[in-house]
Amino acid sequence: MKEYFVVIGGKPKGPFAPEQMKELDINSGTFVKSTGMDDYKEAHEIPELRELFGLKARVREPQYFAAPDVRLLAVIIDYFLIFAVYCVIATIVVFFIDEKQLRIVASVGGLAIIPVAKTIYSIYMESSARQGTWGKILMGQKVCDEKGNPISFGRSMIRNLSKLTGILTFGIGFLMGFFGKRQQCLHDRIAGTVVIKDRLI
C-alpha cells in the first residue's frame, strides 16, 4: 500500500497510510509526497487523494517556462530520432532496388519528408496525454495552453504550422521566445500556448 509524507507545521512527517491520513487536517494545499514521488505536490494534484478527501483539482497557471535554447535541444533529439527511423526505412527500401541511380534517388530524395514527418509527429504528440514529443519528454518539458491545460489537436496543429512564421521572419519569430516572462516564440503567441518545464530542472 502506498504511504505518504505530509508537511505539517512546515516540517515533513510520516510516512502515513491513506487511512491514517484521514486523522490529519488535509486540505487542497497540503503538501504531500509518496515514497515513489521525486518532489512534494499539493494534495489536490494527486488523484487518489482527491478521491479520498473529496478535494477538487485546482488549475494553477504555469510558473516554470522552458527557454528557447533548452527547447532547441528537444528539437534536436526529435530530429535525431526521426532521422534514425528514416535510415532504417531507407535501408529496407534500397535493399529491394537493384539500379544504383534509383537507390540514390530513393535514399536522398526521402530526406525532404523528414520536416513533414516532424510536424505531423509534433502535432500528434503535443495534443496527446504526454503533452510533448519524446525530445520534450526527455528534457522535462510539456506544451499547454496559457492556463496550464493540455491542448487540443486543433490548437496543436495551429501551433506547429505557425512555426513557418519563424522561418519567414528569418528566425526572429523564434528569438522572440527570449523576450518575455513566458518565453513564448511567435508560434506560441499565435496558438496561445506555452512550453513549461519540470520544477526540478
N, C-alpha and C. Protein backbone atom coordinates (compact mmCIF):
# COMPACT_ATOMS: atom_id res chain seq x y z
N MET A 1 0.85 -1.20 0.00
CA MET A 1 0.00 0.00 0.00
C MET A 1 0.88 1.25 0.00
N LYS A 2 0.51 2.24 -0.81
CA LYS A 2 1.29 3.46 -0.91
C LYS A 2 1.17 4.28 0.37
N GLU A 3 2.31 4.81 0.83
CA GLU A 3 2.33 5.66 2.02
C GLU A 3 2.79 7.06 1.64
N TYR A 4 2.40 8.04 2.46
CA TYR A 4 2.68 9.44 2.14
C TYR A 4 3.38 10.16 3.29
N PHE A 5 4.28 11.05 2.91
CA PHE A 5 4.85 12.01 3.85
C PHE A 5 4.02 13.28 3.73
N VAL A 6 3.72 13.92 4.85
CA VAL A 6 2.86 15.10 4.87
C VAL A 6 3.59 16.25 5.56
N VAL A 7 3.54 17.43 4.95
CA VAL A 7 4.16 18.60 5.56
C VAL A 7 3.17 19.18 6.58
N ILE A 8 3.54 19.09 7.85
CA ILE A 8 2.70 19.58 8.94
C ILE A 8 3.49 20.60 9.73
N GLY A 9 2.97 21.82 9.82
CA GLY A 9 3.68 22.87 10.55
C GLY A 9 5.03 23.20 9.95
N GLY A 10 5.12 23.04 8.63
CA GLY A 10 6.36 23.36 7.93
C GLY A 10 7.39 22.26 7.93
N LYS A 11 7.07 21.11 8.53
CA LYS A 11 8.03 20.01 8.60
C LYS A 11 7.38 18.72 8.05
N PRO A 12 8.15 17.96 7.24
CA PRO A 12 7.61 16.70 6.72
C PRO A 12 7.51 15.64 7.82
N LYS A 13 6.38 14.97 7.86
CA LYS A 13 6.18 13.91 8.85
C LYS A 13 5.61 12.68 8.14
N GLY A 14 5.80 11.52 8.75
CA GLY A 14 5.30 10.29 8.17
C GLY A 14 6.40 9.25 8.05
N PRO A 15 6.15 8.21 7.28
CA PRO A 15 5.04 8.09 6.33
C PRO A 15 3.73 7.65 6.98
N PHE A 16 2.62 8.03 6.30
CA PHE A 16 1.28 7.67 6.76
C PHE A 16 0.57 6.85 5.68
N ALA A 17 -0.16 5.86 6.13
CA ALA A 17 -1.04 5.12 5.22
C ALA A 17 -2.25 6.00 4.94
N PRO A 18 -2.94 5.81 3.79
CA PRO A 18 -4.11 6.63 3.48
C PRO A 18 -5.15 6.69 4.59
N GLU A 19 -5.38 5.57 5.28
CA GLU A 19 -6.36 5.56 6.37
C GLU A 19 -5.90 6.42 7.54
N GLN A 20 -4.60 6.43 7.79
CA GLN A 20 -4.06 7.26 8.87
C GLN A 20 -4.16 8.74 8.53
N MET A 21 -4.09 9.05 7.24
CA MET A 21 -4.15 10.44 6.81
C MET A 21 -5.50 11.07 7.06
N LYS A 22 -6.53 10.23 7.19
CA LYS A 22 -7.87 10.75 7.46
C LYS A 22 -7.93 11.44 8.83
N GLU A 23 -7.00 11.09 9.69
CA GLU A 23 -6.97 11.70 11.02
C GLU A 23 -6.22 13.04 11.01
N LEU A 24 -5.59 13.35 9.88
CA LEU A 24 -4.84 14.60 9.76
C LEU A 24 -5.70 15.68 9.12
N ASP A 25 -5.29 16.91 9.29
CA ASP A 25 -6.02 18.04 8.70
C ASP A 25 -5.49 18.28 7.27
N ILE A 26 -5.96 17.45 6.35
CA ILE A 26 -5.52 17.53 4.95
C ILE A 26 -6.47 18.41 4.15
N ASN A 27 -5.93 19.41 3.47
CA ASN A 27 -6.75 20.22 2.57
C ASN A 27 -6.08 20.28 1.20
N SER A 28 -6.68 21.01 0.28
CA SER A 28 -6.18 21.06 -1.10
C SER A 28 -4.73 21.49 -1.19
N GLY A 29 -4.34 22.42 -0.32
CA GLY A 29 -2.99 22.98 -0.40
C GLY A 29 -1.95 22.28 0.45
N THR A 30 -2.31 21.21 1.11
CA THR A 30 -1.35 20.48 1.94
C THR A 30 -0.32 19.78 1.05
N PHE A 31 0.94 19.96 1.37
CA PHE A 31 1.99 19.33 0.57
C PHE A 31 2.21 17.89 1.03
N VAL A 32 2.18 16.98 0.06
CA VAL A 32 2.36 15.56 0.36
C VAL A 32 3.30 14.95 -0.69
N LYS A 33 3.89 13.83 -0.30
CA LYS A 33 4.78 13.11 -1.22
C LYS A 33 4.74 11.64 -0.88
N SER A 34 4.49 10.81 -1.89
CA SER A 34 4.52 9.38 -1.66
C SER A 34 5.96 8.89 -1.80
N THR A 35 6.19 7.67 -1.41
CA THR A 35 7.56 7.12 -1.45
C THR A 35 8.08 7.02 -2.89
N GLY A 36 7.19 7.06 -3.88
CA GLY A 36 7.63 6.95 -5.27
C GLY A 36 7.74 8.28 -6.00
N MET A 37 7.46 9.39 -5.32
CA MET A 37 7.50 10.71 -5.95
C MET A 37 8.84 11.41 -5.70
N ASP A 38 9.26 12.21 -6.69
CA ASP A 38 10.52 12.93 -6.57
C ASP A 38 10.41 14.22 -5.76
N ASP A 39 9.21 14.80 -5.73
CA ASP A 39 9.04 16.08 -5.07
C ASP A 39 7.66 16.16 -4.44
N TYR A 40 7.48 17.09 -3.53
CA TYR A 40 6.18 17.27 -2.89
C TYR A 40 5.19 17.93 -3.85
N LYS A 41 3.94 17.54 -3.73
CA LYS A 41 2.87 18.15 -4.51
C LYS A 41 1.73 18.52 -3.57
N GLU A 42 0.89 19.44 -4.02
CA GLU A 42 -0.30 19.76 -3.23
C GLU A 42 -1.28 18.60 -3.35
N ALA A 43 -2.04 18.36 -2.31
CA ALA A 43 -2.93 17.20 -2.24
C ALA A 43 -3.91 17.14 -3.42
N HIS A 44 -4.37 18.30 -3.87
CA HIS A 44 -5.36 18.30 -4.96
C HIS A 44 -4.77 17.83 -6.29
N GLU A 45 -3.44 17.78 -6.39
CA GLU A 45 -2.77 17.36 -7.62
C GLU A 45 -2.71 15.84 -7.75
N ILE A 46 -3.02 15.11 -6.68
CA ILE A 46 -2.89 13.65 -6.68
C ILE A 46 -4.28 13.02 -6.72
N PRO A 47 -4.62 12.32 -7.80
CA PRO A 47 -5.97 11.77 -8.00
C PRO A 47 -6.49 10.95 -6.82
N GLU A 48 -5.66 10.03 -6.27
CA GLU A 48 -6.14 9.17 -5.18
C GLU A 48 -6.46 9.96 -3.92
N LEU A 49 -5.74 11.05 -3.69
CA LEU A 49 -6.03 11.88 -2.51
C LEU A 49 -7.25 12.76 -2.74
N ARG A 50 -7.46 13.17 -3.99
CA ARG A 50 -8.70 13.93 -4.30
C ARG A 50 -9.91 13.07 -4.00
N GLU A 51 -9.81 11.80 -4.38
CA GLU A 51 -10.93 10.88 -4.13
C GLU A 51 -11.09 10.59 -2.65
N LEU A 52 -9.97 10.41 -1.96
CA LEU A 52 -10.01 10.06 -0.53
C LEU A 52 -10.59 11.18 0.32
N PHE A 53 -10.24 12.43 0.01
CA PHE A 53 -10.67 13.56 0.83
C PHE A 53 -11.74 14.43 0.18
N GLY A 54 -12.20 14.02 -0.99
CA GLY A 54 -13.24 14.79 -1.68
C GLY A 54 -12.76 16.16 -2.12
N LEU A 55 -11.53 16.23 -2.57
CA LEU A 55 -10.95 17.51 -3.00
C LEU A 55 -11.22 17.76 -4.47
N LYS A 56 -11.20 19.02 -4.85
CA LYS A 56 -11.35 19.39 -6.25
C LYS A 56 -10.00 19.83 -6.79
N ALA A 57 -9.72 19.40 -8.02
CA ALA A 57 -8.45 19.79 -8.64
C ALA A 57 -8.48 21.28 -8.95
N ARG A 58 -7.44 21.97 -8.59
CA ARG A 58 -7.35 23.40 -8.86
C ARG A 58 -6.38 23.63 -10.02
N VAL A 59 -6.81 24.45 -10.95
CA VAL A 59 -5.95 24.77 -12.08
C VAL A 59 -5.04 25.92 -11.69
N ARG A 60 -3.76 25.68 -11.76
CA ARG A 60 -2.78 26.70 -11.41
C ARG A 60 -2.02 27.11 -12.67
N GLU A 61 -1.93 28.38 -12.90
CA GLU A 61 -1.22 28.85 -14.08
C GLU A 61 0.26 28.46 -13.99
N PRO A 62 0.84 28.12 -15.12
CA PRO A 62 2.25 27.67 -15.14
C PRO A 62 3.19 28.73 -14.56
N GLN A 63 4.24 28.26 -13.90
CA GLN A 63 5.23 29.15 -13.30
C GLN A 63 6.63 28.94 -13.85
N TYR A 64 6.90 27.77 -14.39
CA TYR A 64 8.23 27.44 -14.88
C TYR A 64 8.18 27.25 -16.39
N PHE A 65 8.87 28.09 -17.12
CA PHE A 65 8.81 28.06 -18.59
C PHE A 65 10.16 27.66 -19.18
N ALA A 66 10.10 26.89 -20.26
CA ALA A 66 11.32 26.43 -20.93
C ALA A 66 11.83 27.49 -21.89
N ALA A 67 13.10 27.83 -21.77
CA ALA A 67 13.72 28.82 -22.64
C ALA A 67 13.94 28.23 -24.04
N PRO A 68 13.97 29.08 -25.07
CA PRO A 68 14.13 28.59 -26.44
C PRO A 68 15.38 27.74 -26.67
N ASP A 69 16.48 28.07 -25.99
CA ASP A 69 17.69 27.28 -26.20
C ASP A 69 17.54 25.86 -25.66
N VAL A 70 16.83 25.72 -24.54
CA VAL A 70 16.58 24.39 -23.98
C VAL A 70 15.58 23.64 -24.87
N ARG A 71 14.61 24.36 -25.41
CA ARG A 71 13.63 23.75 -26.31
C ARG A 71 14.31 23.28 -27.59
N LEU A 72 15.36 23.99 -28.01
CA LEU A 72 16.10 23.61 -29.21
C LEU A 72 16.75 22.24 -29.03
N LEU A 73 17.22 21.96 -27.83
CA LEU A 73 17.80 20.64 -27.56
C LEU A 73 16.76 19.54 -27.76
N ALA A 74 15.52 19.81 -27.34
CA ALA A 74 14.44 18.84 -27.52
C ALA A 74 14.17 18.62 -29.01
N VAL A 75 14.22 19.69 -29.79
CA VAL A 75 14.01 19.59 -31.24
C VAL A 75 15.11 18.75 -31.88
N ILE A 76 16.35 18.96 -31.46
CA ILE A 76 17.47 18.19 -31.99
C ILE A 76 17.30 16.70 -31.70
N ILE A 77 16.85 16.39 -30.47
CA ILE A 77 16.61 15.00 -30.10
C ILE A 77 15.52 14.40 -31.00
N ASP A 78 14.45 15.16 -31.23
CA ASP A 78 13.36 14.67 -32.08
C ASP A 78 13.83 14.40 -33.50
N TYR A 79 14.59 15.33 -34.06
CA TYR A 79 15.09 15.13 -35.42
C TYR A 79 16.04 13.93 -35.48
N PHE A 80 16.82 13.73 -34.45
CA PHE A 80 17.72 12.57 -34.42
C PHE A 80 16.90 11.27 -34.43
N LEU A 81 15.84 11.22 -33.63
CA LEU A 81 15.00 10.02 -33.57
C LEU A 81 14.31 9.77 -34.91
N ILE A 82 13.77 10.83 -35.52
CA ILE A 82 13.10 10.68 -36.80
C ILE A 82 14.08 10.27 -37.89
N PHE A 83 15.28 10.87 -37.87
CA PHE A 83 16.30 10.52 -38.86
C PHE A 83 16.72 9.06 -38.71
N ALA A 84 16.80 8.57 -37.47
CA ALA A 84 17.17 7.17 -37.23
C ALA A 84 16.12 6.24 -37.82
N VAL A 85 14.84 6.59 -37.62
CA VAL A 85 13.76 5.78 -38.18
C VAL A 85 13.82 5.83 -39.71
N TYR A 86 14.09 7.03 -40.25
CA TYR A 86 14.19 7.19 -41.71
C TYR A 86 15.31 6.31 -42.27
N CYS A 87 16.46 6.28 -41.59
CA CYS A 87 17.59 5.48 -42.07
C CYS A 87 17.24 4.00 -42.12
N VAL A 88 16.49 3.53 -41.14
CA VAL A 88 16.08 2.12 -41.12
C VAL A 88 15.15 1.83 -42.29
N ILE A 89 14.16 2.71 -42.50
CA ILE A 89 13.21 2.52 -43.60
C ILE A 89 13.91 2.62 -44.94
N ALA A 90 14.79 3.62 -45.10
CA ALA A 90 15.51 3.81 -46.36
C ALA A 90 16.39 2.60 -46.68
N THR A 91 17.02 2.04 -45.67
CA THR A 91 17.87 0.86 -45.86
C THR A 91 17.06 -0.32 -46.38
N ILE A 92 15.87 -0.49 -45.80
CA ILE A 92 15.00 -1.59 -46.23
C ILE A 92 14.54 -1.38 -47.67
N VAL A 93 14.15 -0.14 -48.01
CA VAL A 93 13.68 0.16 -49.36
C VAL A 93 14.79 -0.02 -50.38
N VAL A 94 15.96 0.51 -50.08
CA VAL A 94 17.10 0.43 -51.01
C VAL A 94 17.53 -1.03 -51.24
N PHE A 95 17.33 -1.85 -50.23
CA PHE A 95 17.71 -3.27 -50.34
C PHE A 95 16.98 -3.96 -51.49
N PHE A 96 15.76 -3.49 -51.77
CA PHE A 96 14.95 -4.12 -52.83
C PHE A 96 15.10 -3.43 -54.19
N ILE A 97 15.97 -2.44 -54.29
CA ILE A 97 16.19 -1.74 -55.56
C ILE A 97 17.56 -2.13 -56.11
N ASP A 98 17.57 -2.59 -57.37
CA ASP A 98 18.81 -3.06 -57.98
C ASP A 98 19.60 -1.95 -58.65
N GLU A 99 18.91 -1.01 -59.28
CA GLU A 99 19.59 0.04 -60.04
C GLU A 99 20.20 1.08 -59.10
N LYS A 100 21.47 1.41 -59.35
CA LYS A 100 22.22 2.32 -58.49
C LYS A 100 21.61 3.71 -58.44
N GLN A 101 21.21 4.26 -59.60
CA GLN A 101 20.64 5.60 -59.66
C GLN A 101 19.36 5.70 -58.83
N LEU A 102 18.53 4.68 -58.95
CA LEU A 102 17.27 4.67 -58.19
C LEU A 102 17.53 4.56 -56.69
N ARG A 103 18.59 3.87 -56.33
CA ARG A 103 18.95 3.76 -54.91
C ARG A 103 19.29 5.13 -54.33
N ILE A 104 20.08 5.89 -55.11
CA ILE A 104 20.47 7.22 -54.66
C ILE A 104 19.25 8.13 -54.53
N VAL A 105 18.37 8.09 -55.54
CA VAL A 105 17.16 8.93 -55.53
C VAL A 105 16.27 8.55 -54.35
N ALA A 106 16.12 7.24 -54.12
CA ALA A 106 15.24 6.77 -53.04
C ALA A 106 15.78 7.15 -51.66
N SER A 107 17.11 7.05 -51.49
CA SER A 107 17.69 7.32 -50.17
C SER A 107 17.82 8.80 -49.87
N VAL A 108 18.20 9.60 -50.88
CA VAL A 108 18.40 11.03 -50.68
C VAL A 108 17.09 11.81 -50.82
N GLY A 109 16.29 11.43 -51.79
CA GLY A 109 15.04 12.15 -52.05
C GLY A 109 14.08 12.13 -50.88
N GLY A 110 14.14 11.06 -50.09
CA GLY A 110 13.23 10.93 -48.97
C GLY A 110 13.54 11.86 -47.82
N LEU A 111 14.73 12.49 -47.84
CA LEU A 111 15.10 13.42 -46.76
C LEU A 111 14.14 14.59 -46.65
N ALA A 112 13.52 14.96 -47.77
CA ALA A 112 12.58 16.08 -47.78
C ALA A 112 11.33 15.77 -46.95
N ILE A 113 11.09 14.50 -46.71
CA ILE A 113 9.90 14.09 -45.95
C ILE A 113 10.10 14.31 -44.45
N ILE A 114 11.36 14.36 -44.01
CA ILE A 114 11.65 14.44 -42.56
C ILE A 114 10.99 15.64 -41.88
N PRO A 115 11.09 16.88 -42.43
CA PRO A 115 10.42 18.01 -41.76
C PRO A 115 8.90 17.83 -41.69
N VAL A 116 8.33 17.23 -42.74
CA VAL A 116 6.87 16.99 -42.74
C VAL A 116 6.52 15.97 -41.67
N ALA A 117 7.33 14.90 -41.59
CA ALA A 117 7.10 13.87 -40.58
C ALA A 117 7.23 14.46 -39.18
N LYS A 118 8.21 15.36 -39.00
CA LYS A 118 8.42 16.00 -37.69
C LYS A 118 7.20 16.83 -37.30
N THR A 119 6.61 17.55 -38.26
CA THR A 119 5.44 18.38 -37.98
C THR A 119 4.25 17.52 -37.58
N ILE A 120 4.00 16.45 -38.34
CA ILE A 120 2.87 15.56 -38.04
C ILE A 120 3.06 14.90 -36.68
N TYR A 121 4.27 14.44 -36.44
CA TYR A 121 4.63 13.80 -35.16
C TYR A 121 4.43 14.76 -33.99
N SER A 122 4.85 16.02 -34.15
CA SER A 122 4.71 17.02 -33.09
C SER A 122 3.26 17.34 -32.81
N ILE A 123 2.46 17.48 -33.88
CA ILE A 123 1.03 17.78 -33.73
C ILE A 123 0.35 16.70 -32.90
N TYR A 124 0.63 15.46 -33.25
CA TYR A 124 0.00 14.33 -32.54
C TYR A 124 0.48 14.23 -31.09
N MET A 125 1.80 14.25 -30.87
CA MET A 125 2.34 14.04 -29.53
C MET A 125 1.98 15.18 -28.57
N GLU A 126 2.00 16.43 -29.05
CA GLU A 126 1.74 17.56 -28.17
C GLU A 126 0.27 17.66 -27.77
N SER A 127 -0.61 17.05 -28.57
CA SER A 127 -2.04 17.05 -28.22
C SER A 127 -2.45 15.75 -27.50
N SER A 128 -1.47 14.87 -27.29
CA SER A 128 -1.75 13.61 -26.60
C SER A 128 -1.64 13.81 -25.08
N ALA A 129 -1.85 12.74 -24.35
CA ALA A 129 -1.76 12.81 -22.89
C ALA A 129 -0.34 13.12 -22.43
N ARG A 130 0.66 12.86 -23.27
CA ARG A 130 2.05 13.13 -22.91
C ARG A 130 2.38 14.61 -23.00
N GLN A 131 1.62 15.36 -23.78
CA GLN A 131 1.78 16.81 -23.93
C GLN A 131 3.15 17.22 -24.48
N GLY A 132 3.77 16.36 -25.24
CA GLY A 132 5.06 16.71 -25.81
C GLY A 132 5.66 15.58 -26.59
N THR A 133 6.59 15.91 -27.46
CA THR A 133 7.33 14.91 -28.22
C THR A 133 8.30 14.19 -27.29
N TRP A 134 8.95 13.15 -27.79
CA TRP A 134 9.89 12.41 -26.95
C TRP A 134 11.07 13.31 -26.55
N GLY A 135 11.44 14.21 -27.44
CA GLY A 135 12.51 15.14 -27.11
C GLY A 135 12.12 16.02 -25.92
N LYS A 136 10.90 16.53 -25.95
CA LYS A 136 10.42 17.36 -24.84
C LYS A 136 10.28 16.55 -23.56
N ILE A 137 9.81 15.33 -23.69
CA ILE A 137 9.65 14.47 -22.51
C ILE A 137 11.00 14.22 -21.85
N LEU A 138 12.01 13.93 -22.66
CA LEU A 138 13.34 13.69 -22.12
C LEU A 138 13.95 14.93 -21.47
N MET A 139 13.54 16.11 -21.96
CA MET A 139 14.04 17.37 -21.41
C MET A 139 13.13 17.92 -20.31
N GLY A 140 12.10 17.16 -19.92
CA GLY A 140 11.20 17.57 -18.84
C GLY A 140 10.29 18.73 -19.23
N GLN A 141 9.84 18.76 -20.49
CA GLN A 141 9.01 19.85 -20.99
C GLN A 141 7.63 19.35 -21.40
N LYS A 142 6.65 20.24 -21.31
CA LYS A 142 5.29 19.95 -21.76
C LYS A 142 4.72 21.17 -22.46
N VAL A 143 3.83 20.92 -23.42
CA VAL A 143 3.14 22.01 -24.11
C VAL A 143 1.74 22.11 -23.54
N CYS A 144 1.32 23.31 -23.17
CA CYS A 144 -0.02 23.51 -22.63
C CYS A 144 -0.53 24.88 -23.06
N ASP A 145 -1.80 25.15 -22.75
CA ASP A 145 -2.31 26.48 -23.05
C ASP A 145 -1.83 27.45 -21.97
N GLU A 146 -2.21 28.70 -22.08
CA GLU A 146 -1.68 29.71 -21.16
C GLU A 146 -2.19 29.58 -19.74
N LYS A 147 -3.19 28.71 -19.53
CA LYS A 147 -3.71 28.44 -18.19
C LYS A 147 -3.13 27.17 -17.60
N GLY A 148 -2.33 26.46 -18.39
CA GLY A 148 -1.72 25.23 -17.90
C GLY A 148 -2.46 23.97 -18.26
N ASN A 149 -3.50 24.07 -19.11
CA ASN A 149 -4.28 22.91 -19.50
C ASN A 149 -3.70 22.26 -20.76
N PRO A 150 -3.91 20.94 -20.94
CA PRO A 150 -3.46 20.27 -22.16
C PRO A 150 -4.12 20.91 -23.38
N ILE A 151 -3.45 20.87 -24.52
CA ILE A 151 -4.01 21.49 -25.72
C ILE A 151 -4.71 20.46 -26.60
N SER A 152 -5.64 20.95 -27.39
CA SER A 152 -6.39 20.09 -28.30
C SER A 152 -5.58 19.81 -29.56
N PHE A 153 -6.06 18.88 -30.36
CA PHE A 153 -5.40 18.55 -31.64
C PHE A 153 -5.40 19.78 -32.55
N GLY A 154 -6.51 20.52 -32.57
CA GLY A 154 -6.61 21.70 -33.41
C GLY A 154 -5.62 22.78 -33.01
N ARG A 155 -5.49 23.03 -31.71
CA ARG A 155 -4.54 24.03 -31.24
C ARG A 155 -3.10 23.59 -31.51
N SER A 156 -2.85 22.29 -31.36
CA SER A 156 -1.52 21.76 -31.65
C SER A 156 -1.17 21.94 -33.12
N MET A 157 -2.18 21.76 -33.98
CA MET A 157 -1.96 21.94 -35.41
C MET A 157 -1.62 23.41 -35.72
N ILE A 158 -2.38 24.33 -35.12
CA ILE A 158 -2.11 25.76 -35.33
C ILE A 158 -0.71 26.10 -34.85
N ARG A 159 -0.34 25.57 -33.69
CA ARG A 159 0.98 25.86 -33.11
C ARG A 159 2.12 25.40 -34.02
N ASN A 160 2.02 24.17 -34.50
CA ASN A 160 3.11 23.62 -35.29
C ASN A 160 3.17 24.18 -36.70
N LEU A 161 2.03 24.45 -37.30
CA LEU A 161 2.04 25.05 -38.63
C LEU A 161 2.50 26.50 -38.57
N SER A 162 2.26 27.15 -37.42
CA SER A 162 2.67 28.54 -37.25
C SER A 162 4.18 28.69 -37.11
N LYS A 163 4.89 27.58 -36.94
CA LYS A 163 6.34 27.65 -36.87
C LYS A 163 6.95 28.17 -38.17
N LEU A 164 6.16 28.11 -39.24
CA LEU A 164 6.62 28.67 -40.52
C LEU A 164 6.90 30.16 -40.38
N THR A 165 6.18 30.82 -39.45
CA THR A 165 6.40 32.26 -39.27
C THR A 165 7.81 32.54 -38.77
N GLY A 166 8.35 31.60 -37.99
CA GLY A 166 9.72 31.76 -37.51
C GLY A 166 10.72 31.69 -38.65
N ILE A 167 10.42 30.85 -39.64
CA ILE A 167 11.28 30.73 -40.82
C ILE A 167 11.13 31.95 -41.72
N LEU A 168 9.87 32.36 -41.94
CA LEU A 168 9.59 33.50 -42.82
C LEU A 168 10.14 34.82 -42.27
N THR A 169 10.30 34.89 -40.95
CA THR A 169 10.85 36.12 -40.33
C THR A 169 12.35 35.98 -40.08
N PHE A 170 12.96 35.00 -40.77
CA PHE A 170 14.41 34.78 -40.68
C PHE A 170 14.87 34.52 -39.23
N GLY A 171 14.05 33.76 -38.51
CA GLY A 171 14.41 33.35 -37.16
C GLY A 171 13.95 34.29 -36.06
N ILE A 172 13.46 35.48 -36.45
CA ILE A 172 13.03 36.45 -35.43
C ILE A 172 11.87 35.89 -34.60
N GLY A 173 10.99 35.15 -35.26
CA GLY A 173 9.85 34.56 -34.56
C GLY A 173 10.27 33.63 -33.44
N PHE A 174 11.37 32.90 -33.67
CA PHE A 174 11.89 32.00 -32.63
C PHE A 174 12.62 32.78 -31.54
N LEU A 175 13.36 33.81 -31.95
CA LEU A 175 14.12 34.62 -30.99
C LEU A 175 13.21 35.39 -30.03
N MET A 176 11.96 35.61 -30.43
CA MET A 176 11.01 36.30 -29.57
C MET A 176 10.83 35.57 -28.24
N GLY A 177 11.13 34.27 -28.24
CA GLY A 177 11.00 33.49 -27.02
C GLY A 177 11.93 33.91 -25.90
N PHE A 178 13.02 34.61 -26.26
CA PHE A 178 13.95 35.07 -25.24
C PHE A 178 13.46 36.32 -24.52
N PHE A 179 12.41 36.93 -25.07
CA PHE A 179 11.90 38.17 -24.50
C PHE A 179 10.50 37.94 -23.95
N GLY A 180 10.31 38.19 -22.69
CA GLY A 180 9.00 37.97 -22.07
C GLY A 180 9.09 36.88 -21.03
N LYS A 181 8.33 37.03 -19.98
CA LYS A 181 8.36 36.10 -18.85
C LYS A 181 7.99 34.68 -19.24
N ARG A 182 7.01 34.56 -20.15
CA ARG A 182 6.55 33.22 -20.52
C ARG A 182 7.39 32.58 -21.62
N GLN A 183 8.34 33.32 -22.15
CA GLN A 183 9.26 32.82 -23.16
C GLN A 183 8.54 32.16 -24.33
N GLN A 184 7.54 32.87 -24.83
CA GLN A 184 6.75 32.38 -25.96
C GLN A 184 7.37 32.83 -27.28
N CYS A 185 7.60 31.89 -28.17
CA CYS A 185 8.00 32.22 -29.53
C CYS A 185 6.76 32.71 -30.27
N LEU A 186 6.95 33.21 -31.48
CA LEU A 186 5.82 33.77 -32.23
C LEU A 186 4.72 32.74 -32.44
N HIS A 187 5.11 31.50 -32.74
CA HIS A 187 4.08 30.47 -32.98
C HIS A 187 3.32 30.14 -31.69
N ASP A 188 3.97 30.31 -30.53
CA ASP A 188 3.27 30.10 -29.25
C ASP A 188 2.24 31.21 -29.03
N ARG A 189 2.61 32.43 -29.37
CA ARG A 189 1.69 33.55 -29.18
C ARG A 189 0.49 33.44 -30.12
N ILE A 190 0.74 32.95 -31.32
CA ILE A 190 -0.36 32.77 -32.28
C ILE A 190 -1.34 31.70 -31.78
N ALA A 191 -0.80 30.60 -31.26
CA ALA A 191 -1.64 29.48 -30.82
C ALA A 191 -2.12 29.61 -29.37
N GLY A 192 -1.56 30.58 -28.62
CA GLY A 192 -1.94 30.73 -27.21
C GLY A 192 -1.41 29.60 -26.37
N THR A 193 -0.15 29.21 -26.61
CA THR A 193 0.44 28.08 -25.88
C THR A 193 1.73 28.52 -25.18
N VAL A 194 2.16 27.70 -24.22
CA VAL A 194 3.45 27.90 -23.56
C VAL A 194 4.11 26.53 -23.42
N VAL A 195 5.41 26.53 -23.27
CA VAL A 195 6.14 25.30 -23.02
C VAL A 195 6.65 25.38 -21.59
N ILE A 196 6.13 24.52 -20.74
CA ILE A 196 6.52 24.53 -19.33
C ILE A 196 7.57 23.45 -19.08
N LYS A 197 8.29 23.60 -17.99
CA LYS A 197 9.30 22.60 -17.65
C LYS A 197 9.06 22.10 -16.23
N ASP A 198 9.64 20.96 -15.97
CA ASP A 198 9.57 20.35 -14.65
C ASP A 198 10.21 21.29 -13.64
N ARG A 199 9.59 21.46 -12.50
CA ARG A 199 10.10 22.39 -11.50
C ARG A 199 11.46 21.96 -10.95
N LEU A 200 11.84 20.70 -11.16
CA LEU A 200 13.12 20.22 -10.65
C LEU A 200 14.28 20.54 -11.57
N ILE A 201 13.98 21.06 -12.78
CA ILE A 201 15.04 21.36 -13.74
C ILE A 201 15.43 22.82 -13.63
